């Protein structure tokens, strides 16, 4: 990773993803998180302020060391013990059936092998465990999809692998049989960049 990826991009993402509207969605998403928690794509720690009060410890993974540097102050202020692992969500070192909850916010867009990452999420969840996700992706408007497809090659360069045109619903449904989600674009946000998928997928109980 170069200077842009480790120094400039983390600050750009921290600024853009700190929007108050997005904070509301984070809080809604994390309300039902319980038990042993894994967060993939931890980034700069923006979710920490919105975990329920009973969550005292989480495990996180992120491939970008520049993100971890910015996250440290939020970790110190949160009261949550964070075990940070510098790695991708595509190959998790945890044993099968380890976590009650896995969290991903604005992360699935940029993982190179996203299908493998979702299989890993499923694997490390306990039976009956839940995957909480808030992502951006393919619009439901054909005219917007055209531009998402055209601009994704440029977006991948500018935003460290981020895809504008991933159908998050279909990707999650490949790994999980039970998926509840809402697709929407917030008012005054561009559908091109901010068609959101917010939901919860449950691993089959034994």
Foldseek 3Di string as FASTA:
>chain_A
DDCCQQPVQLVVCVVVCVDPVNLVLLLVLQVPDDDAEEEEQCFQPSSLQRHDPVAAEYEYEAQHVSRVVNNVVVCVVRNHHYHYDNDHLLDDPDAFQATQEYEYEAPLQARPCSLSSLLSVLRNHHAFHKYWYKHAAAFPDVVLLVVQVVCQVVCCVNNVRGGRHDPVVVSNVVNAVDKDWDWDADPPGDSSRGGMITIMGTHHHD
